[in-house]
């Protein structure tokens, strides 16, 4: 449904489904670290959703740290890193070991 400016708004449910699909592909190894995601147009065609839905999904994946936006090159899967809580626990453990 278009908003007042005539832009089509994306459905949060569709965006969540796209994110879940991409995260599953990453987790299964079908999309490996450093591999490129499909172009926005290609992903929209493959998944049967609007380009705006793909843009929103890719933006949220970038914000989550799973994907990087490379200007002129598209979107790329990042290497997994330790979660912040895990990094914090490791840092505290190392400090305790140094204090001993």
N, C-alpha and C. Protein backbone atom coordinates (compact mmCIF):
# COMPACT_ATOMS: atom_id res chain seq x y z
N UNK A 1 0.84 -1.18 0.00
CA UNK A 1 0.00 0.00 0.00
C UNK A 1 0.89 1.24 0.00
N UNK A 2 0.68 2.16 -0.96
CA UNK A 2 1.53 3.36 -1.03
C UNK A 2 1.25 4.32 0.12
N UNK A 3 2.31 5.03 0.54
CA UNK A 3 2.12 6.07 1.54
C UNK A 3 1.77 7.37 0.83
N UNK A 4 1.78 8.48 1.56
CA UNK A 4 1.36 9.75 0.96
C UNK A 4 2.27 10.20 -0.17
N UNK A 5 3.52 9.77 -0.17
CA UNK A 5 4.45 10.16 -1.23
C UNK A 5 4.39 9.21 -2.41
N UNK A 6 3.52 8.21 -2.35
CA UNK A 6 3.40 7.26 -3.43
C UNK A 6 4.38 6.11 -3.36
N UNK A 7 5.18 6.07 -2.24
CA UNK A 7 6.13 4.98 -2.08
C UNK A 7 5.43 3.77 -1.48
N UNK A 8 5.82 2.59 -1.95
CA UNK A 8 5.25 1.37 -1.42
C UNK A 8 5.95 1.02 -0.12
N UNK A 9 5.17 0.76 0.91
CA UNK A 9 5.74 0.38 2.19
C UNK A 9 5.93 -1.13 2.22
N UNK A 10 7.01 -1.57 2.87
CA UNK A 10 7.25 -3.00 2.94
C UNK A 10 6.53 -3.59 4.14
N UNK A 11 6.18 -4.84 4.02
CA UNK A 11 5.53 -5.55 5.11
C UNK A 11 6.61 -6.09 6.05
N UNK A 12 6.51 -5.76 7.35
CA UNK A 12 7.51 -6.28 8.29
C UNK A 12 7.60 -7.80 8.25
N UNK A 13 6.48 -8.47 8.06
CA UNK A 13 6.49 -9.93 8.03
C UNK A 13 7.30 -10.44 6.83
N UNK A 14 7.16 -9.82 5.68
CA UNK A 14 7.92 -10.23 4.50
C UNK A 14 9.40 -9.97 4.71
N UNK A 15 9.72 -8.82 5.29
CA UNK A 15 11.12 -8.50 5.56
C UNK A 15 11.73 -9.52 6.51
N UNK A 16 11.00 -9.87 7.56
CA UNK A 16 11.48 -10.87 8.52
C UNK A 16 11.69 -12.22 7.84
N UNK A 17 10.80 -12.60 6.92
CA UNK A 17 10.95 -13.86 6.21
C UNK A 17 12.20 -13.86 5.33
N UNK A 18 12.46 -12.74 4.67
CA UNK A 18 13.66 -12.63 3.83
C UNK A 18 14.91 -12.74 4.70
N UNK A 19 14.92 -12.04 5.84
CA UNK A 19 16.07 -12.10 6.75
C UNK A 19 16.27 -13.53 7.25
N UNK A 20 15.19 -14.19 7.64
CA UNK A 20 15.28 -15.56 8.12
C UNK A 20 15.84 -16.48 7.04
N UNK A 21 15.39 -16.29 5.80
CA UNK A 21 15.87 -17.11 4.67
C UNK A 21 17.37 -16.90 4.46
N UNK A 22 17.81 -15.66 4.46
CA UNK A 22 19.23 -15.37 4.23
C UNK A 22 20.08 -15.89 5.39
N UNK A 23 19.61 -15.69 6.63
CA UNK A 23 20.36 -16.19 7.78
C UNK A 23 20.45 -17.72 7.75
N UNK A 24 19.40 -18.39 7.28
CA UNK A 24 19.43 -19.85 7.16
C UNK A 24 20.44 -20.29 6.10
N UNK A 25 20.52 -19.55 5.00
CA UNK A 25 21.50 -19.86 3.96
C UNK A 25 22.93 -19.67 4.48
N UNK A 26 23.12 -18.64 5.30
CA UNK A 26 24.44 -18.41 5.90
C UNK A 26 24.77 -19.53 6.88
N UNK A 27 23.81 -19.87 7.75
CA UNK A 27 24.03 -20.91 8.76
C UNK A 27 24.30 -22.27 8.12
N UNK A 28 23.65 -22.57 7.00
CA UNK A 28 23.82 -23.87 6.35
C UNK A 28 25.10 -23.95 5.52
N UNK A 29 25.72 -22.80 5.30
CA UNK A 29 26.93 -22.78 4.48
C UNK A 29 26.67 -22.54 3.01
N UNK A 30 25.41 -22.44 2.63
CA UNK A 30 25.08 -22.16 1.23
C UNK A 30 25.59 -20.77 0.83
N UNK A 31 25.57 -19.84 1.77
CA UNK A 31 26.20 -18.53 1.59
C UNK A 31 27.35 -18.47 2.59
N UNK A 32 28.56 -18.52 2.10
CA UNK A 32 29.72 -18.54 2.97
C UNK A 32 30.29 -17.14 3.16
N UNK A 33 31.15 -17.01 4.16
CA UNK A 33 31.81 -15.73 4.43
C UNK A 33 32.51 -15.23 3.17
N UNK A 34 32.44 -13.96 2.96
CA UNK A 34 33.03 -13.25 1.82
C UNK A 34 32.28 -13.46 0.51
N UNK A 35 31.19 -14.26 0.51
CA UNK A 35 30.42 -14.41 -0.73
C UNK A 35 29.44 -13.24 -0.86
N UNK A 36 29.10 -12.94 -2.10
CA UNK A 36 28.18 -11.83 -2.37
C UNK A 36 26.74 -12.31 -2.30
N UNK A 37 25.88 -11.44 -1.77
CA UNK A 37 24.45 -11.70 -1.82
C UNK A 37 23.95 -11.35 -3.22
N UNK A 38 22.83 -11.92 -3.61
CA UNK A 38 22.27 -11.54 -4.92
C UNK A 38 21.96 -10.04 -4.96
N UNK A 39 21.96 -9.47 -6.15
CA UNK A 39 21.61 -8.06 -6.29
C UNK A 39 20.19 -7.86 -5.75
N UNK A 40 19.87 -6.64 -5.44
CA UNK A 40 18.54 -6.33 -4.90
C UNK A 40 17.46 -6.77 -5.88
N UNK A 41 17.64 -6.44 -7.13
CA UNK A 41 16.64 -6.81 -8.15
C UNK A 41 16.52 -8.33 -8.29
N UNK A 42 17.66 -9.00 -8.33
CA UNK A 42 17.66 -10.45 -8.48
C UNK A 42 17.01 -11.13 -7.27
N UNK A 43 17.36 -10.67 -6.07
CA UNK A 43 16.78 -11.25 -4.85
C UNK A 43 15.27 -11.03 -4.82
N UNK A 44 14.83 -9.84 -5.23
CA UNK A 44 13.39 -9.55 -5.24
C UNK A 44 12.67 -10.48 -6.21
N UNK A 45 13.27 -10.70 -7.38
CA UNK A 45 12.66 -11.60 -8.36
C UNK A 45 12.64 -13.04 -7.84
N UNK A 46 13.75 -13.50 -7.27
CA UNK A 46 13.86 -14.88 -6.78
C UNK A 46 12.87 -15.17 -5.65
N UNK A 47 12.70 -14.19 -4.75
CA UNK A 47 11.86 -14.39 -3.57
C UNK A 47 10.43 -13.90 -3.76
N UNK A 48 10.15 -13.25 -4.87
CA UNK A 48 8.79 -12.79 -5.15
C UNK A 48 8.32 -11.67 -4.23
N UNK A 49 9.26 -10.79 -3.86
CA UNK A 49 8.91 -9.64 -3.02
C UNK A 49 9.39 -8.37 -3.72
N UNK A 50 9.04 -7.23 -3.15
CA UNK A 50 9.44 -5.96 -3.75
C UNK A 50 10.91 -5.66 -3.46
N UNK A 51 11.48 -4.78 -4.29
CA UNK A 51 12.86 -4.35 -4.06
C UNK A 51 12.98 -3.64 -2.70
N UNK A 52 11.93 -2.92 -2.31
CA UNK A 52 11.96 -2.23 -1.01
C UNK A 52 12.07 -3.22 0.14
N UNK A 53 11.42 -4.38 0.02
CA UNK A 53 11.52 -5.41 1.06
C UNK A 53 12.94 -5.92 1.15
N UNK A 54 13.59 -6.16 0.01
CA UNK A 54 14.98 -6.63 -0.01
C UNK A 54 15.91 -5.57 0.56
N UNK A 55 15.70 -4.32 0.18
CA UNK A 55 16.53 -3.23 0.71
C UNK A 55 16.43 -3.17 2.23
N UNK A 56 15.22 -3.25 2.76
CA UNK A 56 15.02 -3.23 4.21
C UNK A 56 15.70 -4.43 4.86
N UNK A 57 15.56 -5.60 4.26
CA UNK A 57 16.18 -6.82 4.82
C UNK A 57 17.70 -6.69 4.80
N UNK A 58 18.26 -6.26 3.69
CA UNK A 58 19.72 -6.11 3.59
C UNK A 58 20.22 -5.07 4.59
N UNK A 59 19.49 -3.96 4.72
CA UNK A 59 19.89 -2.93 5.69
C UNK A 59 19.89 -3.47 7.11
N UNK A 60 18.90 -4.28 7.44
CA UNK A 60 18.85 -4.86 8.79
C UNK A 60 19.94 -5.89 9.00
N UNK A 61 20.29 -6.64 7.97
CA UNK A 61 21.41 -7.58 8.07
C UNK A 61 22.74 -6.85 8.24
N UNK A 62 22.87 -5.71 7.58
CA UNK A 62 24.07 -4.89 7.76
C UNK A 62 24.13 -4.38 9.20
N UNK A 63 23.00 -3.89 9.71
CA UNK A 63 22.96 -3.38 11.09
C UNK A 63 23.28 -4.47 12.11
N UNK A 64 22.92 -5.72 11.78
CA UNK A 64 23.17 -6.83 12.71
C UNK A 64 24.61 -7.32 12.65
N UNK A 65 25.36 -6.88 11.64
CA UNK A 65 26.75 -7.30 11.52
C UNK A 65 26.95 -8.60 10.76
N UNK A 66 25.90 -9.14 10.16
CA UNK A 66 26.02 -10.39 9.40
C UNK A 66 26.48 -10.14 7.96
N UNK A 67 26.19 -8.93 7.47
CA UNK A 67 26.44 -8.59 6.07
C UNK A 67 27.07 -7.20 6.03
N UNK A 68 27.91 -6.97 5.01
CA UNK A 68 28.50 -5.65 4.81
C UNK A 68 28.03 -5.10 3.46
N UNK A 69 27.85 -3.80 3.42
CA UNK A 69 27.52 -3.12 2.18
C UNK A 69 28.81 -2.61 1.57
N UNK A 70 29.09 -3.02 0.35
CA UNK A 70 30.29 -2.59 -0.36
C UNK A 70 29.86 -1.72 -1.54
N UNK A 71 29.99 -0.39 -1.41
CA UNK A 71 29.55 0.49 -2.49
C UNK A 71 30.14 0.09 -3.83
N UNK A 72 29.27 -0.06 -4.80
CA UNK A 72 29.69 -0.44 -6.14
C UNK A 72 29.85 -1.94 -6.32
N UNK A 73 29.85 -2.69 -5.21
CA UNK A 73 30.02 -4.15 -5.29
C UNK A 73 28.86 -4.93 -4.73
N UNK A 74 27.94 -4.27 -4.08
CA UNK A 74 26.78 -4.96 -3.50
C UNK A 74 26.97 -5.31 -2.04
N UNK A 75 26.37 -6.41 -1.64
CA UNK A 75 26.38 -6.83 -0.24
C UNK A 75 27.15 -8.14 -0.12
N UNK A 76 27.92 -8.25 0.97
CA UNK A 76 28.81 -9.39 1.15
C UNK A 76 28.61 -9.97 2.55
N UNK A 77 28.62 -11.30 2.64
CA UNK A 77 28.49 -11.99 3.93
C UNK A 77 29.79 -11.80 4.69
N UNK A 78 29.67 -11.42 5.96
CA UNK A 78 30.85 -11.22 6.81
C UNK A 78 31.22 -12.51 7.52
N UNK A 79 32.47 -12.61 7.91
CA UNK A 79 32.91 -13.74 8.72
C UNK A 79 32.26 -13.61 10.09
N UNK A 80 31.83 -14.73 10.67
CA UNK A 80 31.21 -14.65 11.99
C UNK A 80 32.21 -14.22 13.05
N UNK A 81 31.72 -13.45 13.99
CA UNK A 81 32.55 -13.02 15.12
C UNK A 81 31.85 -13.43 16.40
N UNK A 82 32.59 -13.45 17.47
CA UNK A 82 31.99 -13.79 18.76
C UNK A 82 30.97 -12.73 19.13
N UNK A 83 29.90 -13.16 19.74
CA UNK A 83 28.87 -12.23 20.20
C UNK A 83 29.47 -11.31 21.27
N UNK A 84 28.95 -10.08 21.40
CA UNK A 84 29.49 -9.15 22.39
C UNK A 84 29.53 -9.73 23.81
N UNK A 85 28.52 -10.49 24.20
CA UNK A 85 28.51 -11.06 25.56
C UNK A 85 29.64 -12.05 25.72
N UNK A 86 29.91 -12.83 24.68
CA UNK A 86 31.00 -13.81 24.73
C UNK A 86 32.33 -13.09 24.79
N UNK A 87 32.49 -12.06 23.97
CA UNK A 87 33.74 -11.28 23.99
C UNK A 87 33.96 -10.67 25.36
N UNK A 88 32.90 -10.14 25.96
CA UNK A 88 33.02 -9.54 27.30
C UNK A 88 33.42 -10.57 28.34
N UNK A 89 32.83 -11.76 28.27
CA UNK A 89 33.17 -12.82 29.22
C UNK A 89 34.62 -13.25 29.04
N UNK A 90 35.07 -13.37 27.82
CA UNK A 90 36.47 -13.74 27.57
C UNK A 90 37.43 -12.68 28.09
N UNK A 91 37.08 -11.43 27.88
CA UNK A 91 37.92 -10.33 28.36
C UNK A 91 38.03 -10.36 29.87
N UNK A 92 36.89 -10.59 30.57
CA UNK A 92 36.93 -10.67 32.04
C UNK A 92 37.75 -11.85 32.50
N UNK A 93 37.64 -12.97 31.80
CA UNK A 93 38.40 -14.17 32.15
C UNK A 93 39.90 -13.91 31.98
N UNK A 94 40.27 -13.26 30.90
CA UNK A 94 41.69 -12.93 30.69
C UNK A 94 42.21 -11.99 31.76
N UNK A 95 41.39 -11.05 32.18
CA UNK A 95 41.81 -10.12 33.26
C UNK A 95 42.01 -10.88 34.55
N UNK A 96 41.14 -11.85 34.85
CA UNK A 96 41.29 -12.66 36.07
C UNK A 96 42.56 -13.48 36.02
N UNK A 97 42.88 -14.04 34.84
CA UNK A 97 44.08 -14.83 34.69
C UNK A 97 45.33 -13.96 34.85
N UNK A 98 45.29 -12.73 34.35
CA UNK A 98 46.43 -11.81 34.47
C UNK A 98 46.62 -11.37 35.92
N UNK A 99 45.52 -11.27 36.66
CA UNK A 99 45.60 -10.81 38.05
C UNK A 99 46.20 -11.89 38.96
N UNK A 100 46.15 -13.13 38.55
CA UNK A 100 46.65 -14.23 39.39
C UNK A 100 48.14 -14.30 39.40
